[in-house]
């Protein structure tokens, strides 16, 4: 059985960065306006900034939650299980119900990352991104029993559609 391992700079780095930013930002606002101590110079009054940081964090939280998926590939049972880290929802796919997988890639500040999409009924149903898993190559080898349907390129809009579970036809 192959189990995914999160990359530090993937999901954990994302969560640590936004948590640290939010705490630092809130402390800066509170210290400047209520204790006359400046950590970071902030204008526009405290009301805007006290609400700005949480809104920034809340808008980025869905991406963090949706990308925090534990993947288990059981070659003996011929199943792939996707379980979300934050709630107890699981999706199990048997190898025989999947048509195969396609490769894609996307660019980010850290470089170019490979992505694998599982195909079922001509729809891309699951996304496995190299940026989030330290054992991506091991996971990729777990898909060898499935049909490799080649490499596809498409834009960021389709990545987001799959992330939010909307159908994308292959």
N, C-alpha and C. Protein backbone atom coordinates (compact mmCIF):
# COMPACT_ATOMS: atom_id res chain seq x y z
N UNK A 1 0.84 -1.17 0.00
CA UNK A 1 0.00 0.00 0.00
C UNK A 1 0.89 1.24 0.00
N UNK A 2 0.52 2.21 -0.81
CA UNK A 2 1.24 3.47 -0.91
C UNK A 2 0.38 4.55 -0.27
N UNK A 3 0.95 5.30 0.65
CA UNK A 3 0.24 6.38 1.32
C UNK A 3 0.97 7.69 1.06
N UNK A 4 0.22 8.74 0.76
CA UNK A 4 0.83 10.03 0.45
C UNK A 4 1.46 10.66 1.68
N UNK A 5 2.49 11.46 1.42
CA UNK A 5 3.17 12.22 2.47
C UNK A 5 3.17 13.67 2.02
N UNK A 6 2.71 14.55 2.88
CA UNK A 6 2.65 15.96 2.51
C UNK A 6 4.04 16.56 2.44
N UNK A 7 4.23 17.41 1.46
CA UNK A 7 5.46 18.18 1.32
C UNK A 7 5.38 19.36 2.28
N UNK A 8 6.49 19.67 2.96
CA UNK A 8 6.48 20.78 3.90
C UNK A 8 6.11 22.09 3.22
N UNK A 9 6.67 22.34 2.04
CA UNK A 9 6.40 23.59 1.36
C UNK A 9 5.08 23.55 0.59
N UNK A 10 4.39 22.44 0.63
CA UNK A 10 3.07 22.35 0.02
C UNK A 10 2.02 22.80 1.00
N UNK A 11 1.32 21.87 1.58
CA UNK A 11 0.18 22.19 2.44
C UNK A 11 0.61 22.78 3.77
N UNK A 12 1.65 22.23 4.40
CA UNK A 12 2.07 22.73 5.71
C UNK A 12 2.65 24.14 5.59
N UNK A 13 3.45 24.37 4.59
CA UNK A 13 4.02 25.70 4.38
C UNK A 13 2.94 26.74 4.15
N UNK A 14 1.93 26.37 3.37
CA UNK A 14 0.81 27.25 3.08
C UNK A 14 0.08 27.62 4.37
N UNK A 15 -0.23 26.62 5.20
CA UNK A 15 -0.95 26.86 6.45
C UNK A 15 -0.10 27.67 7.43
N UNK A 16 1.17 27.35 7.56
CA UNK A 16 2.05 28.06 8.48
C UNK A 16 2.21 29.52 8.04
N UNK A 17 2.40 29.74 6.75
CA UNK A 17 2.57 31.11 6.26
C UNK A 17 1.35 31.96 6.57
N UNK A 18 0.16 31.49 6.23
CA UNK A 18 -1.03 32.31 6.45
C UNK A 18 -1.37 32.47 7.92
N UNK A 19 -1.12 31.47 8.73
CA UNK A 19 -1.35 31.61 10.17
C UNK A 19 -0.39 32.62 10.77
N UNK A 20 0.88 32.53 10.41
CA UNK A 20 1.88 33.47 10.92
C UNK A 20 1.59 34.88 10.46
N UNK A 21 1.24 35.02 9.19
CA UNK A 21 0.91 36.34 8.65
C UNK A 21 -0.27 36.95 9.39
N UNK A 22 -1.30 36.17 9.60
CA UNK A 22 -2.50 36.67 10.28
C UNK A 22 -2.19 37.10 11.71
N UNK A 23 -1.45 36.30 12.43
CA UNK A 23 -1.10 36.64 13.82
C UNK A 23 -0.23 37.89 13.86
N UNK A 24 0.79 37.95 13.02
CA UNK A 24 1.67 39.11 12.97
C UNK A 24 0.90 40.38 12.61
N UNK A 25 0.02 40.27 11.64
CA UNK A 25 -0.77 41.41 11.18
C UNK A 25 -1.69 41.90 12.29
N UNK A 26 -2.36 40.99 12.96
CA UNK A 26 -3.26 41.36 14.04
C UNK A 26 -2.49 42.02 15.19
N UNK A 27 -1.34 41.47 15.55
CA UNK A 27 -0.52 42.06 16.62
C UNK A 27 -0.04 43.45 16.23
N UNK A 28 0.30 43.65 14.97
CA UNK A 28 0.74 44.96 14.51
C UNK A 28 -0.38 45.99 14.64
N UNK A 29 -1.57 45.62 14.24
CA UNK A 29 -2.72 46.54 14.33
C UNK A 29 -3.03 46.86 15.78
N UNK A 30 -3.13 45.84 16.61
CA UNK A 30 -3.47 46.04 18.02
C UNK A 30 -2.40 46.86 18.74
N UNK A 31 -1.13 46.55 18.50
CA UNK A 31 -0.06 47.28 19.19
C UNK A 31 0.00 48.74 18.76
N UNK A 32 -0.22 49.03 17.48
CA UNK A 32 -0.13 50.39 16.99
C UNK A 32 -1.28 51.26 17.50
N UNK A 33 -2.49 50.73 17.47
CA UNK A 33 -3.65 51.56 17.78
C UNK A 33 -4.08 51.52 19.25
N UNK A 34 -3.67 50.51 19.98
CA UNK A 34 -4.13 50.41 21.36
C UNK A 34 -3.02 50.53 22.38
N UNK A 35 -1.75 50.33 21.99
CA UNK A 35 -0.66 50.39 22.94
C UNK A 35 0.44 51.38 22.54
N UNK A 36 0.23 52.12 21.46
CA UNK A 36 1.22 53.10 20.97
C UNK A 36 2.60 52.50 20.75
N UNK A 37 2.63 51.28 20.30
CA UNK A 37 3.87 50.57 20.01
C UNK A 37 3.78 50.09 18.57
N UNK A 38 4.74 50.49 17.72
CA UNK A 38 4.65 50.18 16.29
C UNK A 38 5.55 49.00 15.95
N UNK A 39 4.94 47.92 15.48
CA UNK A 39 5.69 46.78 14.95
C UNK A 39 5.85 46.97 13.44
N UNK A 40 4.72 47.29 12.80
CA UNK A 40 4.69 47.54 11.37
C UNK A 40 3.73 48.71 11.16
N UNK A 41 4.14 49.73 10.44
CA UNK A 41 3.34 50.93 10.24
C UNK A 41 2.10 50.59 9.42
N UNK A 42 0.95 50.88 9.99
CA UNK A 42 -0.32 50.57 9.33
C UNK A 42 -1.19 51.82 9.38
N UNK A 43 -1.79 52.18 8.25
CA UNK A 43 -2.68 53.34 8.18
C UNK A 43 -4.14 52.90 8.09
N UNK A 44 -5.03 53.84 7.82
CA UNK A 44 -6.46 53.61 7.58
C UNK A 44 -7.26 53.24 8.82
N UNK A 45 -6.74 53.35 9.99
CA UNK A 45 -7.51 53.06 11.19
C UNK A 45 -7.57 51.58 11.51
N UNK A 46 -7.81 51.24 12.76
CA UNK A 46 -7.75 49.84 13.18
C UNK A 46 -8.90 48.99 12.68
N UNK A 47 -10.07 49.58 12.48
CA UNK A 47 -11.25 48.80 12.09
C UNK A 47 -11.05 48.02 10.80
N UNK A 48 -10.51 48.69 9.78
CA UNK A 48 -10.28 48.03 8.50
C UNK A 48 -9.31 46.87 8.64
N UNK A 49 -8.22 47.09 9.33
CA UNK A 49 -7.16 46.09 9.42
C UNK A 49 -7.50 44.92 10.33
N UNK A 50 -8.31 45.17 11.34
CA UNK A 50 -8.71 44.07 12.22
C UNK A 50 -9.55 43.06 11.44
N UNK A 51 -10.31 43.56 10.45
CA UNK A 51 -11.13 42.66 9.64
C UNK A 51 -10.45 42.21 8.36
N UNK A 52 -9.43 42.95 7.89
CA UNK A 52 -8.78 42.61 6.63
C UNK A 52 -8.00 41.31 6.69
N UNK A 53 -7.22 41.10 7.74
CA UNK A 53 -6.41 39.88 7.84
C UNK A 53 -7.27 38.63 7.94
N UNK A 54 -8.29 38.60 8.80
CA UNK A 54 -9.12 37.39 8.83
C UNK A 54 -9.82 37.11 7.50
N UNK A 55 -10.25 38.15 6.81
CA UNK A 55 -10.90 37.94 5.51
C UNK A 55 -9.90 37.36 4.52
N UNK A 56 -8.67 37.85 4.53
CA UNK A 56 -7.62 37.32 3.66
C UNK A 56 -7.37 35.84 3.96
N UNK A 57 -7.30 35.50 5.23
CA UNK A 57 -7.07 34.11 5.62
C UNK A 57 -8.27 33.24 5.27
N UNK A 58 -9.47 33.74 5.52
CA UNK A 58 -10.69 32.96 5.24
C UNK A 58 -10.84 32.70 3.74
N UNK A 59 -10.46 33.65 2.90
CA UNK A 59 -10.58 33.42 1.46
C UNK A 59 -9.55 32.42 0.95
N UNK A 60 -8.42 32.29 1.63
CA UNK A 60 -7.41 31.32 1.20
C UNK A 60 -7.60 29.96 1.87
N UNK A 61 -8.45 29.89 2.88
CA UNK A 61 -8.67 28.65 3.62
C UNK A 61 -9.28 27.53 2.77
N UNK A 62 -10.26 27.81 1.88
CA UNK A 62 -10.81 26.71 1.07
C UNK A 62 -9.76 26.00 0.23
N UNK A 63 -8.81 26.73 -0.33
CA UNK A 63 -7.76 26.11 -1.13
C UNK A 63 -6.93 25.17 -0.27
N UNK A 64 -6.61 25.62 0.95
CA UNK A 64 -5.84 24.78 1.88
C UNK A 64 -6.61 23.53 2.25
N UNK A 65 -7.87 23.69 2.59
CA UNK A 65 -8.68 22.54 3.01
C UNK A 65 -8.88 21.55 1.86
N UNK A 66 -9.17 22.06 0.67
CA UNK A 66 -9.42 21.16 -0.46
C UNK A 66 -8.16 20.45 -0.94
N UNK A 67 -7.00 21.05 -0.73
CA UNK A 67 -5.75 20.41 -1.15
C UNK A 67 -5.17 19.48 -0.10
N UNK A 68 -5.75 19.43 1.07
CA UNK A 68 -5.20 18.59 2.14
C UNK A 68 -5.86 17.22 2.11
N UNK A 69 -5.50 16.45 1.12
CA UNK A 69 -6.08 15.13 0.92
C UNK A 69 -5.02 14.04 1.08
N UNK A 70 -5.34 13.05 1.88
CA UNK A 70 -4.46 11.90 2.05
C UNK A 70 -4.85 10.88 0.98
N UNK A 71 -3.87 10.40 0.25
CA UNK A 71 -4.12 9.44 -0.84
C UNK A 71 -3.53 8.10 -0.45
N UNK A 72 -4.35 7.04 -0.57
CA UNK A 72 -3.87 5.68 -0.32
C UNK A 72 -4.14 4.86 -1.57
N UNK A 73 -3.10 4.24 -2.07
CA UNK A 73 -3.22 3.37 -3.24
C UNK A 73 -2.96 1.95 -2.76
N UNK A 74 -3.97 1.12 -2.87
CA UNK A 74 -3.85 -0.29 -2.47
C UNK A 74 -3.79 -1.12 -3.75
N UNK A 75 -2.59 -1.58 -4.10
CA UNK A 75 -2.43 -2.34 -5.34
C UNK A 75 -3.07 -3.73 -5.26
N UNK A 76 -3.14 -4.30 -4.05
CA UNK A 76 -3.75 -5.63 -3.90
C UNK A 76 -5.27 -5.56 -4.10
N UNK A 77 -5.91 -4.58 -3.46
CA UNK A 77 -7.35 -4.42 -3.60
C UNK A 77 -7.72 -3.63 -4.85
N UNK A 78 -6.70 -3.06 -5.52
CA UNK A 78 -6.88 -2.25 -6.72
C UNK A 78 -7.84 -1.09 -6.48
N UNK A 79 -7.54 -0.34 -5.40
CA UNK A 79 -8.35 0.83 -5.07
C UNK A 79 -7.45 2.04 -4.81
N UNK A 80 -8.04 3.21 -5.00
CA UNK A 80 -7.41 4.47 -4.66
C UNK A 80 -8.38 5.21 -3.75
N UNK A 81 -7.91 5.61 -2.57
CA UNK A 81 -8.77 6.30 -1.60
C UNK A 81 -8.24 7.71 -1.40
N UNK A 82 -9.15 8.68 -1.47
CA UNK A 82 -8.84 10.08 -1.20
C UNK A 82 -9.60 10.47 0.05
N UNK A 83 -8.88 10.84 1.11
CA UNK A 83 -9.52 11.22 2.38
C UNK A 83 -9.05 12.62 2.76
N UNK A 84 -10.01 13.50 3.04
CA UNK A 84 -9.68 14.86 3.43
C UNK A 84 -9.15 14.89 4.85
N UNK A 85 -8.12 15.69 5.08
CA UNK A 85 -7.46 15.79 6.38
C UNK A 85 -8.33 16.51 7.41
N UNK A 86 -9.19 17.41 6.98
CA UNK A 86 -9.95 18.24 7.91
C UNK A 86 -11.32 17.71 8.26
N UNK A 87 -11.93 16.93 7.41
CA UNK A 87 -13.19 16.29 7.75
C UNK A 87 -13.15 14.85 7.29
N UNK A 88 -14.09 14.09 7.74
CA UNK A 88 -14.02 12.63 7.56
C UNK A 88 -14.69 12.16 6.27
N UNK A 89 -14.45 12.84 5.18
CA UNK A 89 -15.03 12.40 3.91
C UNK A 89 -13.99 11.64 3.10
N UNK A 90 -14.41 10.54 2.53
CA UNK A 90 -13.52 9.72 1.72
C UNK A 90 -14.18 9.42 0.38
N UNK A 91 -13.34 9.30 -0.64
CA UNK A 91 -13.79 8.87 -1.96
C UNK A 91 -12.91 7.70 -2.36
N UNK A 92 -13.54 6.60 -2.71
CA UNK A 92 -12.81 5.39 -3.08
C UNK A 92 -13.12 5.07 -4.54
N UNK A 93 -12.07 4.83 -5.31
CA UNK A 93 -12.21 4.46 -6.71
C UNK A 93 -11.51 3.12 -6.93
N UNK A 94 -12.17 2.22 -7.64
CA UNK A 94 -11.56 0.96 -8.04
C UNK A 94 -10.87 1.18 -9.38
N UNK A 95 -9.76 0.51 -9.59
CA UNK A 95 -9.01 0.67 -10.84
C UNK A 95 -9.88 0.39 -12.07
N UNK A 96 -10.79 -0.58 -11.96
CA UNK A 96 -11.59 -0.95 -13.13
C UNK A 96 -12.65 0.09 -13.49
N UNK A 97 -12.99 1.01 -12.58
CA UNK A 97 -13.98 2.03 -12.91
C UNK A 97 -13.34 3.30 -13.47
N UNK A 98 -12.01 3.37 -13.45
CA UNK A 98 -11.30 4.52 -13.98
C UNK A 98 -10.80 4.23 -15.39
N UNK A 99 -10.90 5.23 -16.26
CA UNK A 99 -10.40 5.07 -17.63
C UNK A 99 -8.88 5.16 -17.68
N UNK A 100 -8.31 5.94 -16.79
CA UNK A 100 -6.86 6.12 -16.77
C UNK A 100 -6.51 7.43 -16.11
N UNK A 101 -5.35 7.98 -16.52
CA UNK A 101 -4.91 9.25 -15.97
C UNK A 101 -4.19 10.05 -17.04
N UNK A 102 -4.18 11.37 -16.86
CA UNK A 102 -3.45 12.26 -17.75
C UNK A 102 -2.47 13.09 -16.93
N UNK A 103 -1.40 13.51 -17.59
CA UNK A 103 -0.39 14.38 -16.97
C UNK A 103 -0.66 15.80 -17.40
N UNK A 104 -0.32 16.72 -16.55
CA UNK A 104 -0.33 18.13 -16.88
C UNK A 104 0.73 18.79 -16.02
N UNK A 105 0.93 20.07 -16.20
CA UNK A 105 1.86 20.79 -15.35
C UNK A 105 1.39 22.23 -15.22
N UNK A 106 1.85 22.87 -14.17
CA UNK A 106 1.56 24.28 -13.97
C UNK A 106 2.76 24.97 -13.37
N UNK A 107 2.82 26.27 -13.56
CA UNK A 107 3.94 27.05 -13.05
C UNK A 107 3.52 27.76 -11.77
N UNK A 108 4.46 27.81 -10.85
CA UNK A 108 4.28 28.56 -9.61
C UNK A 108 5.60 29.25 -9.31
N UNK A 109 5.64 30.00 -8.21
CA UNK A 109 6.88 30.72 -7.88
C UNK A 109 8.05 29.77 -7.66
N UNK A 110 7.78 28.58 -7.15
CA UNK A 110 8.84 27.62 -6.89
C UNK A 110 9.31 26.87 -8.11
N UNK A 111 8.66 27.06 -9.25
CA UNK A 111 9.05 26.36 -10.46
C UNK A 111 7.84 25.75 -11.15
N UNK A 112 8.08 24.72 -11.92
CA UNK A 112 7.02 24.03 -12.64
C UNK A 112 6.73 22.71 -11.92
N UNK A 113 5.45 22.41 -11.74
CA UNK A 113 5.04 21.22 -11.01
C UNK A 113 4.16 20.34 -11.88
N UNK A 114 4.34 19.05 -11.71
CA UNK A 114 3.53 18.08 -12.45
C UNK A 114 2.23 17.81 -11.69
N UNK A 115 1.19 17.54 -12.44
CA UNK A 115 -0.11 17.21 -11.87
C UNK A 115 -0.64 15.99 -12.60
N UNK A 116 -1.25 15.08 -11.86
CA UNK A 116 -1.91 13.91 -12.46
C UNK A 116 -3.41 14.03 -12.19
N UNK A 117 -4.19 13.80 -13.22
CA UNK A 117 -5.65 13.82 -13.09
C UNK A 117 -6.17 12.43 -13.39
N UNK A 118 -7.04 11.92 -12.54
CA UNK A 118 -7.69 10.65 -12.79
C UNK A 118 -8.92 10.89 -13.65
N UNK A 119 -9.12 10.00 -14.63
CA UNK A 119 -10.22 10.14 -15.58
C UNK A 119 -11.26 9.05 -15.33
N UNK A 120 -12.52 9.46 -15.22
CA UNK A 120 -13.64 8.53 -15.08
C UNK A 120 -14.79 9.08 -15.92
N UNK A 121 -15.32 8.28 -16.80
CA UNK A 121 -16.40 8.69 -17.71
C UNK A 121 -16.05 9.97 -18.47
N UNK A 122 -14.82 10.04 -18.95
CA UNK A 122 -14.29 11.17 -19.72
C UNK A 122 -14.24 12.47 -18.92
N UNK A 123 -14.30 12.39 -17.60
CA UNK A 123 -14.19 13.56 -16.74
C UNK A 123 -12.94 13.45 -15.89
N UNK A 124 -12.29 14.55 -15.67
CA UNK A 124 -11.16 14.59 -14.75
C UNK A 124 -11.75 14.74 -13.35
N UNK A 125 -11.59 13.70 -12.53
CA UNK A 125 -12.31 13.69 -11.25
C UNK A 125 -11.43 13.96 -10.04
N UNK A 126 -10.15 13.63 -10.11
CA UNK A 126 -9.25 13.87 -8.98
C UNK A 126 -7.95 14.46 -9.48
N UNK A 127 -7.35 15.27 -8.63
CA UNK A 127 -6.12 15.99 -8.96
C UNK A 127 -5.06 15.64 -7.93
N UNK A 128 -3.88 15.24 -8.38
CA UNK A 128 -2.75 14.95 -7.51
C UNK A 128 -1.60 15.83 -7.97
N UNK A 129 -1.24 16.81 -7.14
CA UNK A 129 -0.23 17.80 -7.52
C UNK A 129 1.09 17.50 -6.84
N UNK A 130 2.16 17.59 -7.61
CA UNK A 130 3.51 17.34 -7.11
C UNK A 130 3.90 18.31 -5.99
N UNK A 131 3.38 19.52 -6.03
CA UNK A 131 3.75 20.54 -5.04
C UNK A 131 3.30 20.17 -3.63
N UNK A 132 2.27 19.34 -3.49
CA UNK A 132 1.72 19.04 -2.17
C UNK A 132 2.21 17.74 -1.57
N UNK A 133 2.85 16.88 -2.36
CA UNK A 133 3.24 15.56 -1.85
C UNK A 133 4.73 15.33 -2.05
N UNK A 134 5.42 14.96 -0.98
CA UNK A 134 6.86 14.71 -1.07
C UNK A 134 7.17 13.39 -1.75
N UNK A 135 6.23 12.45 -1.75
CA UNK A 135 6.44 11.16 -2.40
C UNK A 135 5.61 11.06 -3.69
N UNK A 136 5.59 12.14 -4.46
CA UNK A 136 4.81 12.18 -5.69
C UNK A 136 5.22 11.09 -6.67
N UNK A 137 6.53 10.83 -6.80
CA UNK A 137 6.99 9.79 -7.73
C UNK A 137 6.49 8.42 -7.32
N UNK A 138 6.46 8.16 -6.03
CA UNK A 138 5.93 6.88 -5.53
C UNK A 138 4.43 6.76 -5.83
N UNK A 139 3.70 7.86 -5.64
CA UNK A 139 2.28 7.86 -5.97
C UNK A 139 2.07 7.63 -7.46
N UNK A 140 2.90 8.28 -8.26
CA UNK A 140 2.80 8.14 -9.72
C UNK A 140 3.04 6.69 -10.14
N UNK A 141 3.98 6.02 -9.48
CA UNK A 141 4.22 4.60 -9.79
C UNK A 141 3.05 3.73 -9.38
N UNK A 142 2.27 4.18 -8.40
CA UNK A 142 1.08 3.44 -8.00
C UNK A 142 -0.01 3.44 -9.06
N UNK A 143 0.06 4.40 -9.97
CA UNK A 143 -0.94 4.49 -11.04
C UNK A 143 -0.55 3.69 -12.28
N UNK A 144 0.57 2.97 -12.25
CA UNK A 144 1.02 2.21 -13.42
C UNK A 144 0.00 1.20 -13.93
N UNK A 145 -0.81 0.55 -13.05
CA UNK A 145 -1.82 -0.36 -13.59
C UNK A 145 -2.90 0.34 -14.41
N UNK A 146 -3.05 1.65 -14.22
CA UNK A 146 -4.04 2.41 -14.99
C UNK A 146 -3.45 2.82 -16.33
N UNK A 147 -4.31 3.13 -17.27
CA UNK A 147 -3.88 3.53 -18.60
C UNK A 147 -3.38 4.98 -18.58
N UNK A 148 -2.17 5.17 -19.08
CA UNK A 148 -1.61 6.51 -19.21
C UNK A 148 -2.18 7.11 -20.50
N UNK A 149 -2.99 8.14 -20.37
CA UNK A 149 -3.67 8.74 -21.52
C UNK A 149 -2.91 9.93 -22.09
N UNK A 150 -1.66 10.09 -21.69
CA UNK A 150 -0.81 11.12 -22.26
C UNK A 150 -0.76 12.40 -21.46
N UNK A 151 -0.17 13.41 -22.08
CA UNK A 151 -0.01 14.71 -21.43
C UNK A 151 -0.97 15.71 -22.06
N UNK A 152 -1.63 16.47 -21.21
CA UNK A 152 -2.54 17.51 -21.66
C UNK A 152 -2.11 18.83 -21.03
N UNK A 153 -2.32 19.89 -21.75
CA UNK A 153 -2.06 21.20 -21.16
C UNK A 153 -3.38 21.96 -21.15
N UNK A 154 -3.64 22.62 -20.05
CA UNK A 154 -4.80 23.48 -19.96
C UNK A 154 -4.55 24.53 -18.90
N UNK A 155 -5.43 25.50 -18.84
CA UNK A 155 -5.17 26.68 -18.04
C UNK A 155 -5.57 26.54 -16.57
N UNK A 156 -5.28 27.57 -15.82
CA UNK A 156 -5.51 27.60 -14.38
C UNK A 156 -6.99 27.47 -14.04
N UNK A 157 -7.86 27.96 -14.90
CA UNK A 157 -9.30 27.86 -14.69
C UNK A 157 -9.73 26.41 -14.53
N UNK A 158 -9.19 25.50 -15.35
CA UNK A 158 -9.54 24.09 -15.25
C UNK A 158 -8.98 23.46 -13.98
N UNK A 159 -7.82 23.90 -13.55
CA UNK A 159 -7.27 23.42 -12.28
C UNK A 159 -8.23 23.77 -11.14
N UNK A 160 -8.74 24.99 -11.14
CA UNK A 160 -9.67 25.41 -10.09
C UNK A 160 -11.00 24.67 -10.18
N UNK A 161 -11.49 24.42 -11.39
CA UNK A 161 -12.74 23.68 -11.52
C UNK A 161 -12.62 22.29 -10.91
N UNK A 162 -11.51 21.62 -11.16
CA UNK A 162 -11.32 20.29 -10.59
C UNK A 162 -11.13 20.37 -9.09
N UNK A 163 -10.43 21.39 -8.62
CA UNK A 163 -10.24 21.57 -7.19
C UNK A 163 -11.57 21.71 -6.46
N UNK A 164 -12.53 22.40 -7.07
CA UNK A 164 -13.83 22.58 -6.46
C UNK A 164 -14.87 21.57 -6.96
N UNK A 165 -14.39 20.45 -7.49
CA UNK A 165 -15.21 19.30 -7.88
C UNK A 165 -16.20 19.57 -9.01
N UNK A 166 -15.86 20.48 -9.91
CA UNK A 166 -16.70 20.71 -11.09
C UNK A 166 -16.18 19.84 -12.23
N UNK A 167 -17.06 19.37 -13.10
CA UNK A 167 -16.61 18.48 -14.17
C UNK A 167 -15.78 19.19 -15.23
N UNK A 168 -14.71 18.53 -15.65
CA UNK A 168 -13.88 19.01 -16.75
C UNK A 168 -13.75 17.83 -17.71
N UNK A 169 -14.26 18.01 -18.92
CA UNK A 169 -14.20 16.93 -19.90
C UNK A 169 -12.81 16.83 -20.49
N UNK A 170 -12.36 15.61 -20.68
CA UNK A 170 -11.03 15.39 -21.25
C UNK A 170 -11.12 15.37 -22.75
